[in-house]
Amino acid sequence: MKTKTNMDERILAIASPVAEDMGYGIVRIRVQGGNRSVVQIMAERLSDGLMNVSDCAQLSRALSSTFEVEDPIDGAYVLEVSSPGLDRPLTDMKHFEQYAGELARLELDRFVEGRKRFRGVLAGLDGDNVAIDLDNESETALIPFAWLSEAKLLITDEVIKKGQKKSNKKSRKKKSSQKGDT
């Protein structure tokens, strides 16, 4: 689910090693066409899952240099590097364990019980299945990861608080290390 098209796959194959060498992980890639293509890359630091503006700029510069050499896209394009955000896409099986207890929306590539979209609280993994406590259902549903076409966290007050705590913790750590450097 990190990619949707062959072009996305091609970009991922080029971008992933560059990002990993710099300590980042690629969360999702989307290439959107038009007069000028847009290459959207969501990434996060492998160490803590955060991604600030400086991180985006560093990764963007490195990927731009690599893309100039590899030339993966015909014609002009715009490269956009960003963080996954609070309503982040869930693109890897590990995300469903990592974000267990959070509200999410899953979209499938097929109909199950007459629908493709499901909303509920993530309950981890069961083998190759995503476990989710669906709204208005008494039992935990198991949905094969392979059937997912998209999945993302939904923004709740709790997600916002956790994001603020994570960001504040990182800011305090940075300030205390700067005090020690003087």
Protein backbone atom coordinates (compact mmCIF):
# COMPACT_ATOMS: atom_id res chain seq x y z
CA MET A 1 0.00 0.00 0.00
CA LYS A 2 3.02 2.27 -0.05
CA THR A 3 2.37 2.53 -3.77
CA LYS A 4 -0.53 2.21 -6.21
CA THR A 5 1.02 2.26 -9.68
CA ASN A 6 4.07 0.89 -11.47
CA MET A 7 5.48 4.43 -11.54
CA ASP A 8 5.04 4.69 -7.76
CA GLU A 9 6.89 1.36 -7.43
CA ARG A 10 9.72 2.63 -9.62
CA ILE A 11 10.08 5.79 -7.50
CA LEU A 12 9.98 3.72 -4.28
CA ALA A 13 12.77 1.46 -5.54
CA ILE A 14 14.97 4.51 -6.12
CA ALA A 15 13.93 6.57 -3.07
CA SER A 16 13.86 3.91 -0.37
CA PRO A 17 17.62 3.16 -0.19
CA VAL A 18 18.44 6.90 -0.21
CA ALA A 19 15.96 7.55 2.60
CA GLU A 20 17.11 4.58 4.69
CA ASP A 21 20.76 5.64 4.38
CA MET A 22 19.72 9.01 5.85
CA GLY A 23 17.70 7.42 8.68
CA TYR A 24 14.23 7.86 7.14
CA GLY A 25 11.55 5.40 6.13
CA ILE A 26 9.22 5.90 3.19
CA VAL A 27 5.58 5.73 4.30
CA ARG A 28 3.87 6.32 0.95
CA ILE A 29 4.56 7.44 -2.62
CA ARG A 30 2.04 8.80 -5.13
CA VAL A 31 2.80 10.17 -8.59
CA GLN A 32 0.01 12.36 -9.91
CA GLY A 33 -0.11 13.31 -13.57
CA GLY A 34 -1.13 16.47 -15.31
CA ASN A 35 0.71 19.17 -17.23
CA ARG A 36 3.46 18.79 -14.67
CA SER A 37 3.61 15.57 -12.63
CA VAL A 38 3.72 15.75 -8.84
CA VAL A 39 5.75 13.16 -6.93
CA GLN A 40 4.45 13.02 -3.36
CA ILE A 41 6.65 11.24 -0.86
CA MET A 42 5.65 10.80 2.78
CA ALA A 43 8.48 9.82 5.08
CA GLU A 44 9.39 9.64 8.76
CA ARG A 45 12.52 9.27 10.83
CA LEU A 46 13.19 5.63 11.60
CA SER A 47 14.35 6.56 15.10
CA ASP A 48 11.17 8.18 16.40
CA GLY A 49 8.56 8.39 13.62
CA LEU A 50 8.72 12.18 13.46
CA MET A 51 9.46 14.33 10.42
CA ASN A 52 10.01 18.08 10.67
CA VAL A 53 10.51 20.71 7.98
CA SER A 54 14.29 20.38 8.17
CA ASP A 55 14.03 16.60 7.68
CA CYS A 56 11.75 17.12 4.68
CA ALA A 57 14.21 19.59 3.13
CA GLN A 58 17.21 17.28 3.66
CA LEU A 59 15.45 14.28 2.17
CA SER A 60 14.07 16.36 -0.70
CA ARG A 61 17.57 17.60 -1.65
CA ALA A 62 19.01 14.08 -1.55
CA LEU A 63 16.15 12.63 -3.59
CA SER A 64 16.30 15.46 -6.13
CA SER A 65 19.98 14.70 -6.75
CA THR A 66 19.29 11.00 -7.10
CA PHE A 67 16.30 11.54 -9.40
CA GLU A 68 18.42 13.76 -11.67
CA VAL A 69 20.79 10.85 -12.18
CA GLU A 70 18.17 8.07 -12.34
CA ASP A 71 15.62 10.17 -14.32
CA PRO A 72 12.58 8.05 -13.30
CA ILE A 73 9.92 10.39 -14.75
CA ASP A 74 9.55 11.63 -18.30
CA GLY A 75 9.17 15.40 -18.45
CA ALA A 76 8.97 18.00 -15.73
CA TYR A 77 7.72 17.17 -12.25
CA VAL A 78 7.43 18.68 -8.78
CA LEU A 79 8.81 16.75 -5.81
CA GLU A 80 6.88 17.08 -2.54
CA VAL A 81 8.35 15.52 0.59
CA SER A 82 6.20 15.60 3.73
CA SER A 83 5.50 13.92 7.04
CA PRO A 84 2.63 11.43 7.21
CA GLY A 85 0.71 13.81 9.51
CA LEU A 86 -1.68 12.94 12.32
CA ASP A 87 -4.14 11.26 9.97
CA ARG A 88 -1.30 9.21 8.60
CA PRO A 89 -1.72 6.45 6.08
CA LEU A 90 -1.15 2.95 7.42
CA THR A 91 0.88 1.28 4.69
CA ASP A 92 2.84 -1.44 6.43
CA MET A 93 1.65 -4.33 8.61
CA LYS A 94 3.76 -3.04 11.51
CA HIS A 95 1.64 0.16 11.53
CA PHE A 96 -1.42 -1.84 12.62
CA GLU A 97 0.45 -3.09 15.70
CA GLN A 98 2.06 0.29 16.35
CA TYR A 99 -1.26 2.16 16.25
CA ALA A 100 -3.44 -0.44 18.01
CA GLY A 101 -6.08 1.34 20.05
CA GLU A 102 -6.44 4.20 17.53
CA LEU A 103 -9.46 4.96 15.38
CA ALA A 104 -8.89 4.16 11.71
CA ARG A 105 -10.65 3.90 8.36
CA LEU A 106 -9.91 0.95 6.09
CA GLU A 107 -10.81 0.76 2.42
CA LEU A 108 -10.76 -2.58 0.65
CA ASP A 109 -10.16 -3.55 -2.96
CA ARG A 110 -13.33 -5.69 -2.87
CA PHE A 111 -16.74 -5.79 -1.27
CA VAL A 112 -17.11 -7.59 2.06
CA GLU A 113 -20.62 -7.89 3.47
CA GLY A 114 -21.78 -5.36 0.87
CA ARG A 115 -19.24 -2.63 1.58
CA LYS A 116 -15.64 -1.60 0.96
CA ARG A 117 -15.11 0.92 3.80
CA PHE A 118 -14.77 0.06 7.46
CA ARG A 119 -14.25 2.30 10.49
CA GLY A 120 -13.22 1.25 13.97
CA VAL A 121 -10.50 0.91 16.57
CA LEU A 122 -7.39 -0.98 15.50
CA ALA A 123 -6.77 -4.12 17.55
CA GLY A 124 -3.39 -5.17 16.11
CA LEU A 125 -2.70 -8.12 13.85
CA ASP A 126 -3.71 -11.76 13.72
CA GLY A 127 -1.33 -13.44 11.30
CA ASP A 128 -1.72 -11.67 7.95
CA ASN A 129 -5.00 -10.10 9.05
CA VAL A 130 -5.66 -6.64 10.44
CA ALA A 131 -7.77 -6.87 13.59
CA ILE A 132 -10.27 -4.04 14.02
CA ASP A 133 -13.13 -3.42 16.43
CA LEU A 134 -15.70 -2.02 14.03
CA ASP A 135 -18.22 0.60 15.03
CA ASN A 136 -21.50 -1.03 16.15
CA GLU A 137 -20.07 -4.57 16.03
CA SER A 138 -19.55 -6.81 19.08
CA GLU A 139 -16.73 -9.00 17.71
CA THR A 140 -13.30 -8.04 16.41
CA ALA A 141 -13.18 -8.29 12.61
CA LEU A 142 -10.20 -9.78 10.81
CA ILE A 143 -9.46 -8.28 7.41
CA PRO A 144 -6.65 -9.67 5.24
CA PHE A 145 -3.91 -7.06 4.84
CA ALA A 146 -3.70 -8.01 1.15
CA TRP A 147 -7.29 -6.80 0.64
CA LEU A 148 -6.55 -3.24 1.82
CA SER A 149 -6.35 -0.56 -0.84
CA GLU A 150 -6.04 2.30 1.69
CA ALA A 151 -5.93 2.67 5.45
CA LYS A 152 -5.41 5.70 7.62
CA LEU A 153 -5.73 6.96 11.15
CA LEU A 154 -8.61 9.28 11.86
CA ILE A 155 -7.92 12.45 13.78
CA THR A 156 -9.33 12.37 17.29
CA ASP A 157 -8.59 14.47 20.37
CA GLU A 158 -6.47 11.58 21.66
CA VAL A 159 -4.38 11.44 18.46
CA ILE A 160 -3.80 15.20 18.68
CA LYS A 161 -2.70 14.93 22.33
CA LYS A 162 -0.31 12.07 21.54
CA GLY A 163 1.14 14.02 18.60
CA GLN A 164 1.67 17.08 20.81
CA LYS A 165 3.32 14.99 23.55
CA LYS A 166 5.63 13.36 21.02
CA SER A 167 6.57 16.75 19.54
CA ASN A 168 7.01 18.40 22.96
CA LYS A 169 9.17 15.52 24.21
CA LYS A 170 11.43 15.92 21.18
CA SER A 171 11.63 19.72 21.71
CA ARG A 172 12.57 19.31 25.39
CA LYS A 173 15.22 16.74 24.51
CA LYS A 174 16.68 19.09 21.88
CA LYS A 175 16.71 22.09 24.28
CA SER A 176 18.40 20.09 27.06
CA SER A 177 21.11 18.88 24.67
CA GLN A 178 21.69 22.47 23.49
CA LYS A 179 22.10 23.65 27.12
CA GLY A 180 24.74 20.98 27.65
CA ASP A 181 26.62 22.14 24.55
CA THR A 182 27.21 25.70 25.84
